Amino acid sequence: AVSGLTFNVYHMHWYRQAPGKQREWVATVTQNFLTKYGDFVKGRFT
């Protein structure tokens, strides 16, 4: 849930960080609703 931003103009992302590892990109949904995923997702996430 986002507040304090003009939400619709921002690309939005999910990242993750596993214990002892660097933060990695998971997925993006652009301001135009285009979606992109990290290779490891392999169709499992939306």
All heavy atoms as atom14 arrays in JSON, in Angstrom:
{
  "sequence": "AVSGLTFNVYHMHWYRQAPGKQREWVATVTQNFLTKYGDFVKGRFT",
  "atom14_mask": [
    [1, 1, 1, 1, 1, 0, 0, 0, 0, 0, 0, 0, 0, 0],
    [1, 1, 1, 1, 1, 1, 1, 0, 0, 0, 0, 0, 0, 0],
    [1, 1, 1, 1, 1, 1, 0, 0, 0, 0, 0, 0, 0, 0],
    [1, 1, 1, 1, 0, 0, 0, 0, 0, 0, 0, 0, 0, 0],
    [1, 1, 1, 1, 1, 1, 1, 1, 0, 0, 0, 0, 0, 0],
    [1, 1, 1, 1, 1, 1, 1, 0, 0, 0, 0, 0, 0, 0],
    [1, 1, 1, 1, 1, 1, 1, 1, 1, 1, 1, 0, 0, 0],
    [1, 1, 1, 1, 1, 1, 1, 1, 0, 0, 0, 0, 0, 0],
    [1, 1, 1, 1, 1, 1, 1, 0, 0, 0, 0, 0, 0, 0],
    [1, 1, 1, 1, 1, 1, 1, 1, 1, 1, 1, 1, 0, 0],
    [1, 1, 1, 1, 1, 1, 1, 1, 1, 1, 0, 0, 0, 0],
    [1, 1, 1, 1, 1, 1, 1, 1, 0, 0, 0, 0, 0, 0],
    [1, 1, 1, 1, 1, 1, 1, 1, 1, 1, 0, 0, 0, 0],
    [1, 1, 1, 1, 1, 1, 1, 1, 1, 1, 1, 1, 1, 1],
    [1, 1, 1, 1, 1, 1, 1, 1, 1, 1, 1, 1, 0, 0],
    [1, 1, 1, 1, 1, 1, 1, 1, 1, 1, 1, 0, 0, 0],
    [1, 1, 1, 1, 1, 1, 1, 1, 1, 0, 0, 0, 0, 0],
    [1, 1, 1, 1, 1, 0, 0, 0, 0, 0, 0, 0, 0, 0],
    [1, 1, 1, 1, 1, 1, 1, 0, 0, 0, 0, 0, 0, 0],
    [1, 1, 1, 1, 0, 0, 0, 0, 0, 0, 0, 0, 0, 0],
    [1, 1, 1, 1, 1, 1, 1, 1, 1, 0, 0, 0, 0, 0],
    [1, 1, 1, 1, 1, 1, 1, 1, 1, 0, 0, 0, 0, 0],
    [1, 1, 1, 1, 1, 1, 1, 1, 1, 1, 1, 0, 0, 0],
    [1, 1, 1, 1, 1, 1, 1, 1, 1, 0, 0, 0, 0, 0],
    [1, 1, 1, 1, 1, 1, 1, 1, 1, 1, 1, 1, 1, 1],
    [1, 1, 1, 1, 1, 1, 1, 0, 0, 0, 0, 0, 0, 0],
    [1, 1, 1, 1, 1, 0, 0, 0, 0, 0, 0, 0, 0, 0],
    [1, 1, 1, 1, 1, 1, 1, 0, 0, 0, 0, 0, 0, 0],
    [1, 1, 1, 1, 1, 1, 1, 0, 0, 0, 0, 0, 0, 0],
    [1, 1, 1, 1, 1, 1, 1, 0, 0, 0, 0, 0, 0, 0],
    [1, 1, 1, 1, 1, 1, 1, 1, 1, 0, 0, 0, 0, 0],
    [1, 1, 1, 1, 1, 1, 1, 1, 0, 0, 0, 0, 0, 0],
    [1, 1, 1, 1, 1, 1, 1, 1, 1, 1, 1, 0, 0, 0],
    [1, 1, 1, 1, 1, 1, 1, 1, 0, 0, 0, 0, 0, 0],
    [1, 1, 1, 1, 1, 1, 1, 0, 0, 0, 0, 0, 0, 0],
    [1, 1, 1, 1, 1, 1, 1, 1, 1, 0, 0, 0, 0, 0],
    [1, 1, 1, 1, 1, 1, 1, 1, 1, 1, 1, 1, 0, 0],
    [1, 1, 1, 1, 0, 0, 0, 0, 0, 0, 0, 0, 0, 0],
    [1, 1, 1, 1, 1, 1, 1, 1, 0, 0, 0, 0, 0, 0],
    [1, 1, 1, 1, 1, 1, 1, 1, 1, 1, 1, 0, 0, 0],
    [1, 1, 1, 1, 1, 1, 1, 0, 0, 0, 0, 0, 0, 0],
    [1, 1, 1, 1, 1, 1, 1, 1, 1, 0, 0, 0, 0, 0],
    [1, 1, 1, 1, 0, 0, 0, 0, 0, 0, 0, 0, 0, 0],
    [1, 1, 1, 1, 1, 1, 1, 1, 1, 1, 1, 0, 0, 0],
    [1, 1, 1, 1, 1, 1, 1, 1, 1, 1, 1, 0, 0, 0],
    [1, 1, 1, 1, 1, 1, 1, 0, 0, 0, 0, 0, 0, 0]
  ],
  "atom14_positions": [
    [[0.84, -1.19, 0.0], [0.0, 0.0, 0.0], [0.88, 1.24, 0.0], [1.8, 1.35, 0.82], [-0.91, -0.01, 1.22], [0.0, 0.0, 0.0], [0.0, 0.0, 0.0], [0.0, 0.0, 0.0], [0.0, 0.0, 0.0], [0.0, 0.0, 0.0], [0.0, 0.0, 0.0], [0.0, 0.0, 0.0], [0.0, 0.0, 0.0], [0.0, 0.0, 0.0]],
    [[0.59, 2.15, -0.91], [1.43, 3.32, -1.11], [0.67, 4.58, -0.75], [-0.51, 4.73, -1.11], [1.92, 3.39, -2.57], [2.79, 4.62, -2.79], [2.69, 2.13, -2.93], [0.0, 0.0, 0.0], [0.0, 0.0, 0.0], [0.0, 0.0, 0.0], [0.0, 0.0, 0.0], [0.0, 0.0, 0.0], [0.0, 0.0, 0.0], [0.0, 0.0, 0.0]],
    [[1.34, 5.48, -0.07], [0.75, 6.79, 0.23], [1.83, 7.85, 0.1], [3.02, 7.57, 0.17], [0.14, 6.8, 1.63], [1.12, 6.51, 2.6], [0.0, 0.0, 0.0], [0.0, 0.0, 0.0], [0.0, 0.0, 0.0], [0.0, 0.0, 0.0], [0.0, 0.0, 0.0], [0.0, 0.0, 0.0], [0.0, 0.0, 0.0], [0.0, 0.0, 0.0]],
    [[1.39, 9.09, -0.11], [2.32, 10.2, -0.21], [3.03, 10.33, -1.54], [3.96, 11.13, -1.66], [0.0, 0.0, 0.0], [0.0, 0.0, 0.0], [0.0, 0.0, 0.0], [0.0, 0.0, 0.0], [0.0, 0.0, 0.0], [0.0, 0.0, 0.0], [0.0, 0.0, 0.0], [0.0, 0.0, 0.0], [0.0, 0.0, 0.0], [0.0, 0.0, 0.0]],
    [[2.62, 9.55, -2.52], [3.2, 9.6, -3.87], [2.08, 9.73, -4.89], [0.97, 9.26, -4.65], [3.98, 8.33, -4.18], [5.24, 8.01, -3.38], [5.77, 6.63, -3.78], [6.3, 9.06, -3.61], [0.0, 0.0, 0.0], [0.0, 0.0, 0.0], [0.0, 0.0, 0.0], [0.0, 0.0, 0.0], [0.0, 0.0, 0.0], [0.0, 0.0, 0.0]],
    [[2.44, 10.33, -6.04], [1.51, 10.29, -7.17], [1.66, 8.93, -7.8], [2.42, 8.72, -8.75], [1.84, 11.42, -8.16], [1.87, 12.66, -7.46], [0.77, 11.47, -9.25], [0.0, 0.0, 0.0], [0.0, 0.0, 0.0], [0.0, 0.0, 0.0], [0.0, 0.0, 0.0], [0.0, 0.0, 0.0], [0.0, 0.0, 0.0], [0.0, 0.0, 0.0]],
    [[0.95, 7.96, -7.25], [1.18, 6.54, -7.51], [1.19, 6.21, -9.0], [2.06, 5.47, -9.47], [0.1, 5.73, -6.79], [0.24, 4.25, -6.95], [1.17, 3.54, -6.21], [-0.59, 3.55, -7.82], [1.3, 2.16, -6.35], [-0.48, 2.17, -7.97], [0.47, 1.48, -7.22], [0.0, 0.0, 0.0], [0.0, 0.0, 0.0], [0.0, 0.0, 0.0]],
    [[0.27, 6.75, -9.75], [0.09, 6.29, -11.12], [1.24, 6.67, -12.05], [1.34, 6.13, -13.16], [-1.24, 6.79, -11.69], [-1.32, 8.3, -11.69], [-1.18, 8.94, -10.66], [-1.53, 8.89, -12.85], [0.0, 0.0, 0.0], [0.0, 0.0, 0.0], [0.0, 0.0, 0.0], [0.0, 0.0, 0.0], [0.0, 0.0, 0.0], [0.0, 0.0, 0.0]],
    [[2.15, 7.54, -11.63], [3.25, 7.93, -12.52], [4.5, 7.1, -12.27], [5.48, 7.21, -13.0], [3.6, 9.43, -12.4], [2.36, 10.27, -12.67], [4.24, 9.77, -11.07], [0.0, 0.0, 0.0], [0.0, 0.0, 0.0], [0.0, 0.0, 0.0], [0.0, 0.0, 0.0], [0.0, 0.0, 0.0], [0.0, 0.0, 0.0], [0.0, 0.0, 0.0]],
    [[4.46, 6.26, -11.23], [5.65, 5.5, -10.86], [5.61, 4.08, -11.38], [4.57, 3.4, -11.34], [5.8, 5.43, -9.34], [6.32, 6.71, -8.73], [5.44, 7.71, -8.32], [7.69, 6.9, -8.58], [5.93, 8.88, -7.77], [8.18, 8.07, -8.02], [7.29, 9.06, -7.62], [7.77, 10.21, -7.07], [0.0, 0.0, 0.0], [0.0, 0.0, 0.0]],
    [[6.78, 3.63, -11.89], [6.97, 2.19, -12.06], [7.11, 1.6, -10.65], [7.78, 2.18, -9.79], [8.23, 1.9, -12.85], [8.22, 2.41, -14.27], [7.05, 2.72, -14.94], [9.23, 2.65, -15.13], [7.35, 3.12, -16.16], [8.66, 3.11, -16.3], [0.0, 0.0, 0.0], [0.0, 0.0, 0.0], [0.0, 0.0, 0.0], [0.0, 0.0, 0.0]],
    [[6.51, 0.47, -10.44], [6.54, -0.18, -9.14], [7.26, -1.52, -9.24], [7.11, -2.24, -10.22], [5.12, -0.39, -8.6], [4.34, 0.89, -8.39], [5.09, 1.98, -7.17], [5.1, 0.94, -5.71], [0.0, 0.0, 0.0], [0.0, 0.0, 0.0], [0.0, 0.0, 0.0], [0.0, 0.0, 0.0], [0.0, 0.0, 0.0], [0.0, 0.0, 0.0]],
    [[8.01, -1.83, -8.2], [8.87, -3.01, -8.24], [8.73, -3.83, -6.96], [8.42, -3.3, -5.91], [10.34, -2.61, -8.37], [10.59, -1.51, -9.34], [10.7, -1.71, -10.7], [10.74, -0.18, -9.15], [10.92, -0.55, -11.29], [10.95, 0.39, -10.37], [0.0, 0.0, 0.0], [0.0, 0.0, 0.0], [0.0, 0.0, 0.0], [0.0, 0.0, 0.0]],
    [[9.03, -5.11, -7.11], [9.26, -5.98, -5.96], [10.7, -6.47, -6.04], [11.17, -6.88, -7.1], [8.31, -7.17, -5.96], [6.92, -6.84, -5.57], [5.87, -6.55, -6.38], [6.41, -6.76, -4.22], [4.74, -6.29, -5.64], [5.05, -6.42, -4.31], [6.98, -6.95, -2.96], [4.24, -6.26, -3.19], [6.17, -6.79, -1.84], [4.82, -6.45, -1.96]],
    [[11.35, -6.4, -4.9], [12.69, -6.95, -4.72], [12.63, -7.93, -3.56], [11.67, -7.94, -2.79], [13.7, -5.85, -4.39], [14.15, -5.03, -5.56], [13.34, -4.04, -6.09], [15.41, -5.22, -6.15], [13.75, -3.28, -7.17], [15.83, -4.46, -7.22], [15.0, -3.49, -7.73], [15.41, -2.74, -8.8], [0.0, 0.0, 0.0], [0.0, 0.0, 0.0]],
    [[13.69, -8.72, -3.43], [13.77, -9.59, -2.27], [15.23, -9.72, -1.83], [16.15, -9.53, -2.63], [13.19, -10.97, -2.58], [14.0, -11.82, -3.55], [13.28, -13.13, -3.82], [14.1, -14.04, -4.61], [13.7, -15.25, -5.0], [12.46, -15.68, -4.69], [14.49, -16.02, -5.69], [0.0, 0.0, 0.0], [0.0, 0.0, 0.0], [0.0, 0.0, 0.0]],
    [[15.4, -10.06, -0.58], [16.74, -10.27, -0.04], [16.7, -11.49, 0.87], [16.03, -11.47, 1.91], [17.25, -9.06, 0.71], [18.7, -9.18, 1.14], [19.31, -7.85, 1.57], [18.6, -6.9, 1.87], [20.63, -7.79, 1.57], [0.0, 0.0, 0.0], [0.0, 0.0, 0.0], [0.0, 0.0, 0.0], [0.0, 0.0, 0.0], [0.0, 0.0, 0.0]],
    [[17.41, -12.52, 0.44], [17.5, -13.73, 1.22], [18.63, -13.58, 2.25], [19.56, -12.78, 2.05], [17.77, -14.92, 0.32], [0.0, 0.0, 0.0], [0.0, 0.0, 0.0], [0.0, 0.0, 0.0], [0.0, 0.0, 0.0], [0.0, 0.0, 0.0], [0.0, 0.0, 0.0], [0.0, 0.0, 0.0], [0.0, 0.0, 0.0], [0.0, 0.0, 0.0]],
    [[18.59, -14.35, 3.31], [19.64, -14.27, 4.34], [21.02, -14.46, 3.74], [21.27, -15.43, 3.02], [19.27, -15.4, 5.29], [17.82, -15.6, 5.12], [17.54, -15.32, 3.68], [0.0, 0.0, 0.0], [0.0, 0.0, 0.0], [0.0, 0.0, 0.0], [0.0, 0.0, 0.0], [0.0, 0.0, 0.0], [0.0, 0.0, 0.0], [0.0, 0.0, 0.0]],
    [[21.93, -13.52, 4.0], [23.29, -13.64, 3.53], [23.49, -13.34, 2.06], [24.59, -13.55, 1.53], [0.0, 0.0, 0.0], [0.0, 0.0, 0.0], [0.0, 0.0, 0.0], [0.0, 0.0, 0.0], [0.0, 0.0, 0.0], [0.0, 0.0, 0.0], [0.0, 0.0, 0.0], [0.0, 0.0, 0.0], [0.0, 0.0, 0.0], [0.0, 0.0, 0.0]],
    [[22.45, -12.88, 1.39], [22.56, -12.6, -0.04], [22.23, -11.15, -0.34], [21.62, -10.46, 0.48], [21.63, -13.53, -0.83], [22.02, -14.99, -0.75], [21.15, -15.83, -1.67], [21.56, -17.29, -1.65], [20.72, -18.11, -2.58], [0.0, 0.0, 0.0], [0.0, 0.0, 0.0], [0.0, 0.0, 0.0], [0.0, 0.0, 0.0], [0.0, 0.0, 0.0]],
    [[22.59, -10.71, -1.54], [22.27, -9.36, -1.96], [20.81, -9.27, -2.35], [20.17, -10.25, -2.73], [23.16, -8.96, -3.14], [24.62, -8.79, -2.78], [25.44, -8.22, -3.94], [25.09, -8.41, -5.09], [26.52, -7.54, -3.62], [0.0, 0.0, 0.0], [0.0, 0.0, 0.0], [0.0, 0.0, 0.0], [0.0, 0.0, 0.0], [0.0, 0.0, 0.0]],
    [[20.3, -8.06, -2.27], [18.93, -7.83, -2.71], [18.84, -8.07, -4.22], [19.73, -7.67, -4.97], [18.53, -6.4, -2.38], [17.08, -6.09, -2.59], [16.74, -4.71, -2.05], [16.91, -4.63, -0.6], [16.54, -3.58, 0.13], [15.98, -2.53, -0.46], [16.74, -3.57, 1.43], [0.0, 0.0, 0.0], [0.0, 0.0, 0.0], [0.0, 0.0, 0.0]],
    [[17.78, -8.74, -4.65], [17.61, -9.01, -6.07], [16.22, -8.59, -6.54], [15.24, -8.64, -5.78], [17.85, -10.49, -6.4], [16.84, -11.46, -5.85], [17.09, -12.9, -6.32], [17.76, -13.1, -7.36], [16.6, -13.81, -5.63], [0.0, 0.0, 0.0], [0.0, 0.0, 0.0], [0.0, 0.0, 0.0], [0.0, 0.0, 0.0], [0.0, 0.0, 0.0]],
    [[16.17, -8.21, -7.76], [14.92, -7.75, -8.38], [14.03, -8.95, -8.67], [14.48, -9.97, -9.17], [15.24, -6.99, -9.65], [14.08, -6.68, -10.5], [13.04, -5.83, -10.22], [13.78, -7.23, -11.78], [12.14, -5.81, -11.25], [12.58, -6.66, -12.23], [14.44, -8.15, -12.61], [12.01, -6.98, -13.45], [13.89, -8.47, -13.82], [12.69, -7.88, -14.23]],
    [[12.75, -8.79, -8.37], [11.77, -9.85, -8.59], [10.85, -9.53, -9.77], [10.7, -10.34, -10.69], [10.92, -10.08, -7.32], [9.85, -11.12, -7.58], [11.8, -10.47, -6.15], [0.0, 0.0, 0.0], [0.0, 0.0, 0.0], [0.0, 0.0, 0.0], [0.0, 0.0, 0.0], [0.0, 0.0, 0.0], [0.0, 0.0, 0.0], [0.0, 0.0, 0.0]],
    [[10.23, -8.35, -9.72], [9.23, -8.04, -10.73], [8.99, -6.54, -10.77], [9.24, -5.83, -9.8], [7.92, -8.77, -10.44], [0.0, 0.0, 0.0], [0.0, 0.0, 0.0], [0.0, 0.0, 0.0], [0.0, 0.0, 0.0], [0.0, 0.0, 0.0], [0.0, 0.0, 0.0], [0.0, 0.0, 0.0], [0.0, 0.0, 0.0], [0.0, 0.0, 0.0]],
    [[8.49, -6.09, -11.92], [8.13, -4.7, -12.13], [6.79, -4.62, -12.84], [6.51, -5.42, -13.74], [9.19, -4.0, -13.0], [10.41, -3.9, -12.27], [8.75, -2.6, -13.42], [0.0, 0.0, 0.0], [0.0, 0.0, 0.0], [0.0, 0.0, 0.0], [0.0, 0.0, 0.0], [0.0, 0.0, 0.0], [0.0, 0.0, 0.0], [0.0, 0.0, 0.0]],
    [[5.99, -3.66, -12.43], [4.81, -3.29, -13.21], [4.94, -1.8, -13.49], [5.09, -0.99, -12.58], [3.49, -3.65, -12.48], [3.42, -3.05, -11.09], [2.29, -3.25, -13.32], [0.0, 0.0, 0.0], [0.0, 0.0, 0.0], [0.0, 0.0, 0.0], [0.0, 0.0, 0.0], [0.0, 0.0, 0.0], [0.0, 0.0, 0.0], [0.0, 0.0, 0.0]],
    [[4.94, -1.45, -14.78], [5.18, -0.07, -15.16], [3.93, 0.77, -14.96], [2.84, 0.27, -14.68], [5.63, 0.03, -16.61], [4.51, -0.27, -17.46], [6.75, -0.94, -16.93], [0.0, 0.0, 0.0], [0.0, 0.0, 0.0], [0.0, 0.0, 0.0], [0.0, 0.0, 0.0], [0.0, 0.0, 0.0], [0.0, 0.0, 0.0], [0.0, 0.0, 0.0]],
    [[4.09, 2.06, -15.16], [2.96, 2.97, -15.05], [1.91, 2.66, -16.11], [0.74, 3.02, -15.96], [3.43, 4.41, -15.16], [4.15, 4.72, -16.46], [4.66, 6.15, -16.54], [5.42, 6.48, -17.42], [4.26, 6.99, -15.64], [0.0, 0.0, 0.0], [0.0, 0.0, 0.0], [0.0, 0.0, 0.0], [0.0, 0.0, 0.0], [0.0, 0.0, 0.0]],
    [[2.34, 1.98, -17.18], [1.42, 1.58, -18.26], [1.0, 0.11, -18.13], [0.52, -0.48, -19.1], [2.08, 1.8, -19.61], [2.36, 3.26, -19.88], [1.54, 4.13, -19.57], [3.53, 3.56, -20.43], [0.0, 0.0, 0.0], [0.0, 0.0, 0.0], [0.0, 0.0, 0.0], [0.0, 0.0, 0.0], [0.0, 0.0, 0.0], [0.0, 0.0, 0.0]],
    [[1.23, -0.46, -16.95], [0.76, -1.81, -16.63], [1.52, -2.91, -17.36], [1.06, -4.05, -17.39], [-0.75, -1.96, -16.87], [-1.59, -1.08, -15.99], [-1.93, 0.2, -16.39], [-2.02, -1.53, -14.75], [-2.68, 1.03, -15.57], [-2.79, -0.7, -13.93], [-3.11, 0.57, -14.33], [0.0, 0.0, 0.0], [0.0, 0.0, 0.0], [0.0, 0.0, 0.0]],
    [[2.68, -2.59, -17.94], [3.52, -3.64, -18.48], [4.23, -4.34, -17.33], [4.59, -3.71, -16.33], [4.55, -3.06, -19.44], [4.01, -2.36, -20.69], [5.13, -1.75, -21.5], [3.2, -3.34, -21.55], [0.0, 0.0, 0.0], [0.0, 0.0, 0.0], [0.0, 0.0, 0.0], [0.0, 0.0, 0.0], [0.0, 0.0, 0.0], [0.0, 0.0, 0.0]],
    [[4.43, -5.63, -17.47], [5.04, -6.41, -16.39], [6.33, -7.08, -16.87], [6.46, -7.48, -18.03], [4.08, -7.47, -15.85], [3.68, -8.34, -16.91], [2.85, -6.83, -15.23], [0.0, 0.0, 0.0], [0.0, 0.0, 0.0], [0.0, 0.0, 0.0], [0.0, 0.0, 0.0], [0.0, 0.0, 0.0], [0.0, 0.0, 0.0], [0.0, 0.0, 0.0]],
    [[7.27, -7.18, -15.95], [8.54, -7.83, -16.23], [8.92, -8.62, -14.99], [8.58, -8.23, -13.86], [9.64, -6.8, -16.53], [9.31, -5.84, -17.65], [10.39, -4.76, -17.78], [10.0, -3.72, -18.8], [11.02, -2.64, -18.9], [0.0, 0.0, 0.0], [0.0, 0.0, 0.0], [0.0, 0.0, 0.0], [0.0, 0.0, 0.0], [0.0, 0.0, 0.0]],
    [[9.68, -9.72, -15.21], [10.02, -10.6, -14.1], [11.48, -11.04, -14.17], [12.05, -11.17, -15.26], [9.13, -11.85, -14.13], [7.66, -11.55, -13.99], [6.86, -11.37, -15.11], [7.08, -11.45, -12.73], [5.51, -11.07, -14.98], [5.74, -11.17, -12.58], [4.96, -10.97, -13.72], [3.63, -10.68, -13.58], [0.0, 0.0, 0.0], [0.0, 0.0, 0.0]],
    [[12.02, -11.31, -13.01], [13.33, -11.91, -12.96], [13.31, -13.31, -13.56], [12.27, -13.99, -13.55], [0.0, 0.0, 0.0], [0.0, 0.0, 0.0], [0.0, 0.0, 0.0], [0.0, 0.0, 0.0], [0.0, 0.0, 0.0], [0.0, 0.0, 0.0], [0.0, 0.0, 0.0], [0.0, 0.0, 0.0], [0.0, 0.0, 0.0], [0.0, 0.0, 0.0]],
    [[14.44, -13.75, -14.07], [14.49, -15.05, -14.74], [14.07, -16.19, -13.82], [13.48, -17.18, -14.26], [15.9, -15.31, -15.27], [16.25, -14.41, -16.45], [15.31, -13.85, -17.07], [17.45, -14.27, -16.75], [0.0, 0.0, 0.0], [0.0, 0.0, 0.0], [0.0, 0.0, 0.0], [0.0, 0.0, 0.0], [0.0, 0.0, 0.0], [0.0, 0.0, 0.0]],
    [[14.36, -16.05, -12.55], [14.08, -17.15, -11.62], [12.58, -17.32, -11.37], [12.15, -18.35, -10.86], [14.79, -16.9, -10.29], [14.26, -15.73, -9.53], [13.18, -15.86, -8.67], [14.81, -14.46, -9.7], [12.68, -14.78, -7.98], [14.32, -13.37, -9.02], [13.24, -13.53, -8.16], [0.0, 0.0, 0.0], [0.0, 0.0, 0.0], [0.0, 0.0, 0.0]],
    [[11.78, -16.34, -11.76], [10.35, -16.43, -11.49], [9.71, -17.56, -12.3], [8.89, -18.32, -11.79], [9.67, -15.09, -11.79], [8.15, -15.23, -11.75], [10.13, -14.03, -10.78], [0.0, 0.0, 0.0], [0.0, 0.0, 0.0], [0.0, 0.0, 0.0], [0.0, 0.0, 0.0], [0.0, 0.0, 0.0], [0.0, 0.0, 0.0], [0.0, 0.0, 0.0]],
    [[10.07, -17.66, -13.55], [9.65, -18.79, -14.39], [8.14, -19.0, -14.37], [7.66, -20.14, -14.23], [10.39, -20.06, -13.99], [11.9, -19.97, -14.19], [12.61, -21.24, -13.78], [14.11, -21.1, -13.98], [14.83, -22.32, -13.55], [0.0, 0.0, 0.0], [0.0, 0.0, 0.0], [0.0, 0.0, 0.0], [0.0, 0.0, 0.0], [0.0, 0.0, 0.0]],
    [[7.39, -17.91, -14.48], [5.95, -18.02, -14.6], [5.22, -18.27, -13.29], [4.0, -18.45, -13.29], [0.0, 0.0, 0.0], [0.0, 0.0, 0.0], [0.0, 0.0, 0.0], [0.0, 0.0, 0.0], [0.0, 0.0, 0.0], [0.0, 0.0, 0.0], [0.0, 0.0, 0.0], [0.0, 0.0, 0.0], [0.0, 0.0, 0.0], [0.0, 0.0, 0.0]],
    [[5.91, -18.28, -12.18], [5.27, -18.61, -10.9], [4.63, -17.4, -10.23], [3.72, -17.58, -9.41], [6.33, -19.21, -9.96], [6.97, -20.48, -10.5], [7.97, -21.02, -9.51], [9.06, -20.06, -9.29], [9.54, -19.72, -8.09], [9.02, -20.26, -6.99], [10.53, -18.85, -7.97], [0.0, 0.0, 0.0], [0.0, 0.0, 0.0], [0.0, 0.0, 0.0]],
    [[5.1, -16.21, -10.53], [4.63, -15.0, -9.85], [3.87, -14.11, -10.83], [4.15, -14.1, -12.04], [5.8, -14.2, -9.29], [6.66, -14.89, -8.26], [7.8, -14.27, -7.78], [6.33, -16.14, -7.75], [8.6, -14.86, -6.83], [7.12, -16.77, -6.81], [8.26, -16.13, -6.35], [0.0, 0.0, 0.0], [0.0, 0.0, 0.0], [0.0, 0.0, 0.0]],
    [[2.94, -13.34, -10.28], [2.2, -12.36, -11.07], [2.17, -11.04, -10.31], [1.73, -11.0, -9.15], [0.77, -12.82, -11.33], [0.79, -14.08, -12.01], [0.03, -11.8, -12.19], [0.0, 0.0, 0.0], [0.0, 0.0, 0.0], [0.0, 0.0, 0.0], [0.0, 0.0, 0.0], [0.0, 0.0, 0.0], [0.0, 0.0, 0.0], [0.0, 0.0, 0.0]]
  ]
}
